[in-house]
Structure formats: structure tokens, C-alpha cells
Amino acid sequence: MQRPGDGQSAAHPIAPGHLMIRSLINGKLVRVFGFSLATNLAFRKNAGKVTLIGETDQHDFFNTGQVELGRYATRVEAEREVTMIESAMAAGEGTYHLQFALAPKEK
């Protein structure tokens, strides 16, 4: 049973080892359990050098179970974000807001 103020919604209970994060790339709120970093090869201005990828257990025909969460100017910033996310997961938090990612580009 969910208690008020525990950071989790009764409509979207979070399994242990999972965390809800809103992607700064596509705006979707996703439940993730693992992370990886990918080096960006694009040389566009403000594209970021590293992308944080979240692993989800939401697989279907069009979804590979991975979602791009945010882009970072340096690998150090991306690794700092992963450390903060892992700390939030260990503390039993239900959600996490990306803190070190580059601001999303206006469309």
C-alpha cells in the first residue's frame, strides 16, 4: 500500500531497483532499471558528447527496451548523473530528475 509522501504514485508503483525518469530528449516518463553511456559521433552544436541511455523492461515490436534520457557535454558529467541516479535507487526513491544534462533544444 502506498503512503502519502513516499514519492511513488499508487497508479504507478515502482518495483525495487527501478526508477521513473523523464527523458529530456523525447519528454516521455519511463521506468528504468539500468543505464549505459554512449559516445555521440554527431558534431552538431549543442548535441552533447555523451548520451545517457536508460534500460527499460518495456519491450515490444517498436521498442528495444532502451530510451535516450539526456545528453551531456562531457563523460564526467554523465558519470556524475549515473552516480546520483544509483544513489536515488539505493535510497528507494520513486523518481529522479536529471540534474547535469544539457538543456533540451527548443523545437
N, C-alpha and C. Protein backbone atom coordinates (compact mmCIF):
# COMPACT_ATOMS: atom_id res chain seq x y z
N MET A 1 0.84 -1.17 0.00
CA MET A 1 0.00 0.00 0.00
C MET A 1 0.88 1.24 0.00
N GLN A 2 0.52 2.21 -0.81
CA GLN A 2 1.28 3.45 -0.91
C GLN A 2 0.91 4.38 0.23
N ARG A 3 1.90 5.04 0.77
CA ARG A 3 1.68 6.03 1.81
C ARG A 3 1.86 7.41 1.20
N PRO A 4 1.08 8.39 1.63
CA PRO A 4 1.26 9.75 1.12
C PRO A 4 2.68 10.23 1.41
N GLY A 5 3.28 10.87 0.41
CA GLY A 5 4.59 11.46 0.59
C GLY A 5 5.75 10.51 0.40
N ASP A 6 5.51 9.27 -0.02
CA ASP A 6 6.65 8.35 -0.18
C ASP A 6 7.29 8.47 -1.56
N GLY A 7 6.85 9.43 -2.39
CA GLY A 7 7.47 9.67 -3.68
C GLY A 7 6.97 8.76 -4.78
N GLN A 8 6.01 7.92 -4.50
CA GLN A 8 5.50 7.00 -5.50
C GLN A 8 4.00 7.17 -5.64
N SER A 9 3.52 6.99 -6.84
CA SER A 9 2.10 7.10 -7.11
C SER A 9 1.46 5.73 -7.00
N ALA A 10 0.28 5.67 -6.43
CA ALA A 10 -0.42 4.39 -6.33
C ALA A 10 -0.77 3.86 -7.71
N ALA A 11 -0.95 4.76 -8.68
CA ALA A 11 -1.28 4.34 -10.04
C ALA A 11 -0.08 3.76 -10.76
N HIS A 12 1.13 4.14 -10.33
CA HIS A 12 2.35 3.68 -10.98
C HIS A 12 3.35 3.21 -9.93
N PRO A 13 3.09 2.09 -9.28
CA PRO A 13 4.03 1.62 -8.26
C PRO A 13 5.37 1.27 -8.90
N ILE A 14 6.43 1.55 -8.19
CA ILE A 14 7.78 1.31 -8.69
C ILE A 14 8.33 0.05 -8.06
N ALA A 15 8.78 -0.87 -8.90
CA ALA A 15 9.39 -2.11 -8.42
C ALA A 15 10.76 -1.78 -7.82
N PRO A 16 11.20 -2.54 -6.85
CA PRO A 16 12.54 -2.33 -6.30
C PRO A 16 13.58 -2.39 -7.42
N GLY A 17 14.54 -1.48 -7.36
CA GLY A 17 15.58 -1.45 -8.39
C GLY A 17 15.17 -0.70 -9.65
N HIS A 18 13.99 -0.09 -9.64
CA HIS A 18 13.51 0.70 -10.77
C HIS A 18 13.32 2.15 -10.33
N LEU A 19 13.29 3.04 -11.30
CA LEU A 19 13.15 4.46 -11.04
C LEU A 19 12.44 5.10 -12.22
N MET A 20 11.57 6.06 -11.95
CA MET A 20 10.90 6.80 -13.03
C MET A 20 11.73 8.04 -13.35
N ILE A 21 12.05 8.22 -14.64
CA ILE A 21 12.82 9.38 -15.10
C ILE A 21 12.15 9.91 -16.37
N ARG A 22 12.03 11.24 -16.46
CA ARG A 22 11.51 11.86 -17.68
C ARG A 22 12.68 12.14 -18.61
N SER A 23 12.60 11.61 -19.82
CA SER A 23 13.63 11.84 -20.83
C SER A 23 13.62 13.31 -21.23
N LEU A 24 14.79 13.92 -21.25
CA LEU A 24 14.90 15.29 -21.73
C LEU A 24 14.99 15.33 -23.25
N ILE A 25 15.06 14.17 -23.88
CA ILE A 25 15.17 14.11 -25.33
C ILE A 25 13.79 13.98 -25.97
N ASN A 26 12.96 13.06 -25.46
CA ASN A 26 11.63 12.89 -26.06
C ASN A 26 10.48 13.25 -25.12
N GLY A 27 10.79 13.62 -23.88
CA GLY A 27 9.77 14.07 -22.94
C GLY A 27 8.96 12.97 -22.28
N LYS A 28 9.23 11.71 -22.60
CA LYS A 28 8.45 10.61 -22.02
C LYS A 28 8.95 10.26 -20.63
N LEU A 29 8.00 9.88 -19.77
CA LEU A 29 8.31 9.40 -18.44
C LEU A 29 8.45 7.88 -18.54
N VAL A 30 9.61 7.35 -18.18
CA VAL A 30 9.87 5.92 -18.33
C VAL A 30 10.37 5.32 -17.03
N ARG A 31 10.10 4.03 -16.86
CA ARG A 31 10.59 3.28 -15.70
C ARG A 31 11.86 2.55 -16.14
N VAL A 32 12.96 2.87 -15.49
CA VAL A 32 14.25 2.31 -15.89
C VAL A 32 14.85 1.51 -14.74
N PHE A 33 15.71 0.55 -15.10
CA PHE A 33 16.40 -0.25 -14.09
C PHE A 33 17.90 -0.30 -14.30
N GLY A 34 18.39 0.14 -15.44
CA GLY A 34 19.82 0.13 -15.72
C GLY A 34 20.18 1.26 -16.67
N PHE A 35 21.48 1.51 -16.79
CA PHE A 35 21.93 2.66 -17.57
C PHE A 35 23.20 2.33 -18.32
N SER A 36 23.38 3.01 -19.43
CA SER A 36 24.64 2.93 -20.16
C SER A 36 24.92 4.30 -20.75
N LEU A 37 26.18 4.52 -21.12
CA LEU A 37 26.58 5.78 -21.73
C LEU A 37 27.06 5.49 -23.14
N ALA A 38 26.66 6.34 -24.07
CA ALA A 38 27.07 6.19 -25.47
C ALA A 38 27.75 7.47 -25.92
N THR A 39 28.88 7.32 -26.60
CA THR A 39 29.58 8.47 -27.15
C THR A 39 28.88 8.91 -28.43
N ASN A 40 28.57 10.19 -28.51
CA ASN A 40 27.90 10.73 -29.70
C ASN A 40 28.93 11.03 -30.77
N LEU A 41 28.64 10.62 -31.98
CA LEU A 41 29.52 10.89 -33.09
C LEU A 41 29.12 12.13 -33.87
N ALA A 42 27.94 12.65 -33.61
CA ALA A 42 27.45 13.84 -34.31
C ALA A 42 28.24 15.05 -33.82
N PHE A 43 28.53 15.94 -34.72
CA PHE A 43 29.30 17.12 -34.37
C PHE A 43 28.45 18.38 -34.46
N ARG A 44 27.16 18.23 -34.24
CA ARG A 44 26.26 19.38 -34.24
C ARG A 44 26.48 20.20 -32.99
N LYS A 45 26.28 21.49 -33.11
CA LYS A 45 26.42 22.38 -31.97
C LYS A 45 25.38 22.00 -30.91
N ASN A 46 25.79 21.94 -29.65
CA ASN A 46 24.93 21.63 -28.50
C ASN A 46 24.34 20.22 -28.54
N ALA A 47 24.93 19.32 -29.33
CA ALA A 47 24.42 17.95 -29.37
C ALA A 47 24.89 17.14 -28.17
N GLY A 48 25.95 17.59 -27.52
CA GLY A 48 26.49 16.84 -26.39
C GLY A 48 27.42 15.75 -26.89
N LYS A 49 28.37 15.40 -26.06
CA LYS A 49 29.35 14.37 -26.45
C LYS A 49 28.96 12.98 -25.97
N VAL A 50 28.07 12.91 -24.97
CA VAL A 50 27.68 11.63 -24.39
C VAL A 50 26.17 11.60 -24.19
N THR A 51 25.56 10.44 -24.45
CA THR A 51 24.13 10.26 -24.22
C THR A 51 23.93 9.22 -23.12
N LEU A 52 23.05 9.54 -22.16
CA LEU A 52 22.66 8.59 -21.12
C LEU A 52 21.48 7.79 -21.65
N ILE A 53 21.62 6.47 -21.63
CA ILE A 53 20.58 5.57 -22.13
C ILE A 53 20.03 4.77 -20.96
N GLY A 54 18.72 4.77 -20.82
CA GLY A 54 18.07 4.01 -19.76
C GLY A 54 17.57 2.68 -20.29
N GLU A 55 17.74 1.64 -19.50
CA GLU A 55 17.25 0.30 -19.83
C GLU A 55 15.87 0.13 -19.21
N THR A 56 14.91 -0.26 -20.03
CA THR A 56 13.55 -0.47 -19.53
C THR A 56 13.16 -1.93 -19.75
N ASP A 57 12.10 -2.35 -19.08
CA ASP A 57 11.58 -3.70 -19.32
C ASP A 57 10.31 -3.62 -20.15
N GLN A 58 10.18 -2.54 -20.91
CA GLN A 58 9.02 -2.33 -21.78
C GLN A 58 9.44 -2.65 -23.22
N HIS A 59 9.37 -3.91 -23.58
CA HIS A 59 9.76 -4.36 -24.91
C HIS A 59 8.51 -4.64 -25.74
N ASP A 60 8.55 -4.20 -26.97
CA ASP A 60 7.53 -4.57 -27.94
C ASP A 60 8.15 -4.50 -29.33
N PHE A 61 7.35 -4.60 -30.35
CA PHE A 61 7.87 -4.64 -31.71
C PHE A 61 8.69 -3.40 -32.05
N PHE A 62 8.25 -2.23 -31.60
CA PHE A 62 8.93 -0.99 -31.94
C PHE A 62 9.89 -0.50 -30.87
N ASN A 63 9.89 -1.10 -29.71
CA ASN A 63 10.69 -0.63 -28.59
C ASN A 63 11.74 -1.66 -28.23
N THR A 64 13.00 -1.24 -28.23
CA THR A 64 14.11 -2.14 -27.95
C THR A 64 14.38 -2.30 -26.46
N GLY A 65 13.66 -1.57 -25.62
CA GLY A 65 13.92 -1.64 -24.19
C GLY A 65 14.94 -0.61 -23.75
N GLN A 66 15.31 0.30 -24.64
CA GLN A 66 16.23 1.37 -24.30
C GLN A 66 15.61 2.71 -24.69
N VAL A 67 15.91 3.73 -23.88
CA VAL A 67 15.43 5.07 -24.19
C VAL A 67 16.54 6.07 -23.88
N GLU A 68 16.74 7.01 -24.78
CA GLU A 68 17.71 8.08 -24.55
C GLU A 68 17.11 9.03 -23.52
N LEU A 69 17.85 9.26 -22.44
CA LEU A 69 17.34 10.08 -21.35
C LEU A 69 17.86 11.51 -21.40
N GLY A 70 19.13 11.69 -21.71
CA GLY A 70 19.71 13.03 -21.72
C GLY A 70 21.06 13.02 -22.41
N ARG A 71 21.49 14.22 -22.81
CA ARG A 71 22.80 14.38 -23.44
C ARG A 71 23.67 15.25 -22.55
N TYR A 72 24.96 14.97 -22.58
CA TYR A 72 25.91 15.62 -21.67
C TYR A 72 27.10 16.17 -22.44
N ALA A 73 27.62 17.30 -21.95
CA ALA A 73 28.76 17.93 -22.60
C ALA A 73 30.03 17.08 -22.43
N THR A 74 30.15 16.39 -21.29
CA THR A 74 31.34 15.57 -21.04
C THR A 74 30.94 14.23 -20.43
N ARG A 75 31.84 13.27 -20.54
CA ARG A 75 31.61 11.96 -19.93
C ARG A 75 31.60 12.09 -18.40
N VAL A 76 32.39 12.99 -17.86
CA VAL A 76 32.43 13.19 -16.40
C VAL A 76 31.06 13.60 -15.88
N GLU A 77 30.38 14.53 -16.57
CA GLU A 77 29.04 14.94 -16.14
C GLU A 77 28.06 13.79 -16.24
N ALA A 78 28.15 13.00 -17.30
CA ALA A 78 27.26 11.85 -17.47
C ALA A 78 27.49 10.82 -16.37
N GLU A 79 28.75 10.56 -16.04
CA GLU A 79 29.06 9.60 -14.98
C GLU A 79 28.59 10.11 -13.62
N ARG A 80 28.67 11.42 -13.40
CA ARG A 80 28.17 12.00 -12.15
C ARG A 80 26.65 11.80 -12.06
N GLU A 81 25.95 11.96 -13.19
CA GLU A 81 24.50 11.75 -13.21
C GLU A 81 24.17 10.30 -12.86
N VAL A 82 24.89 9.35 -13.45
CA VAL A 82 24.64 7.93 -13.17
C VAL A 82 24.86 7.64 -11.69
N THR A 83 25.89 8.23 -11.10
CA THR A 83 26.15 8.04 -9.67
C THR A 83 24.98 8.56 -8.84
N MET A 84 24.45 9.72 -9.20
CA MET A 84 23.31 10.29 -8.48
C MET A 84 22.06 9.42 -8.65
N ILE A 85 21.85 8.90 -9.85
CA ILE A 85 20.70 8.03 -10.10
C ILE A 85 20.81 6.75 -9.27
N GLU A 86 21.99 6.16 -9.26
CA GLU A 86 22.20 4.93 -8.48
C GLU A 86 21.97 5.19 -6.99
N SER A 87 22.37 6.36 -6.50
CA SER A 87 22.13 6.70 -5.09
C SER A 87 20.64 6.83 -4.81
N ALA A 88 19.91 7.44 -5.74
CA ALA A 88 18.45 7.57 -5.58
C ALA A 88 17.79 6.19 -5.57
N MET A 89 18.25 5.29 -6.44
CA MET A 89 17.69 3.94 -6.47
C MET A 89 17.97 3.22 -5.16
N ALA A 90 19.20 3.34 -4.66
CA ALA A 90 19.58 2.67 -3.42
C ALA A 90 18.78 3.21 -2.23
N ALA A 91 18.40 4.49 -2.30
CA ALA A 91 17.63 5.10 -1.22
C ALA A 91 16.13 4.78 -1.34
N GLY A 92 15.74 4.09 -2.41
CA GLY A 92 14.34 3.72 -2.57
C GLY A 92 13.46 4.82 -3.15
N GLU A 93 14.08 5.83 -3.76
CA GLU A 93 13.31 6.91 -4.38
C GLU A 93 12.49 6.35 -5.53
N GLY A 94 11.35 6.96 -5.80
CA GLY A 94 10.49 6.51 -6.89
C GLY A 94 10.74 7.25 -8.19
N THR A 95 11.26 8.48 -8.07
CA THR A 95 11.51 9.29 -9.26
C THR A 95 12.86 9.98 -9.15
N TYR A 96 13.38 10.40 -10.29
CA TYR A 96 14.63 11.15 -10.33
C TYR A 96 14.53 12.17 -11.45
N HIS A 97 15.01 13.37 -11.21
CA HIS A 97 15.03 14.43 -12.22
C HIS A 97 16.48 14.64 -12.64
N LEU A 98 16.74 14.54 -13.93
CA LEU A 98 18.10 14.72 -14.44
C LEU A 98 18.61 16.10 -14.06
N GLN A 99 19.84 16.15 -13.52
CA GLN A 99 20.39 17.38 -12.99
C GLN A 99 21.54 17.95 -13.82
N PHE A 100 22.28 17.12 -14.52
CA PHE A 100 23.50 17.57 -15.17
C PHE A 100 23.42 17.53 -16.70
N ALA A 101 22.28 17.13 -17.23
CA ALA A 101 22.13 17.02 -18.68
C ALA A 101 22.03 18.41 -19.31
N LEU A 102 22.40 18.48 -20.59
CA LEU A 102 22.24 19.72 -21.34
C LEU A 102 20.77 20.03 -21.47
N ALA A 103 20.43 21.29 -21.51
CA ALA A 103 19.04 21.70 -21.66
C ALA A 103 18.52 21.23 -23.02
N PRO A 104 17.27 20.74 -23.05
CA PRO A 104 16.73 20.30 -24.35
C PRO A 104 16.63 21.45 -25.32
N LYS A 105 16.83 21.14 -26.60
CA LYS A 105 16.75 22.16 -27.62
C LYS A 105 15.29 22.52 -27.89
N GLU A 106 15.03 23.79 -28.12
CA GLU A 106 13.68 24.24 -28.46
C GLU A 106 13.34 23.79 -29.87
N LYS A 107 12.10 23.37 -30.08
CA LYS A 107 11.66 22.94 -31.41
C LYS A 107 10.91 24.03 -32.10
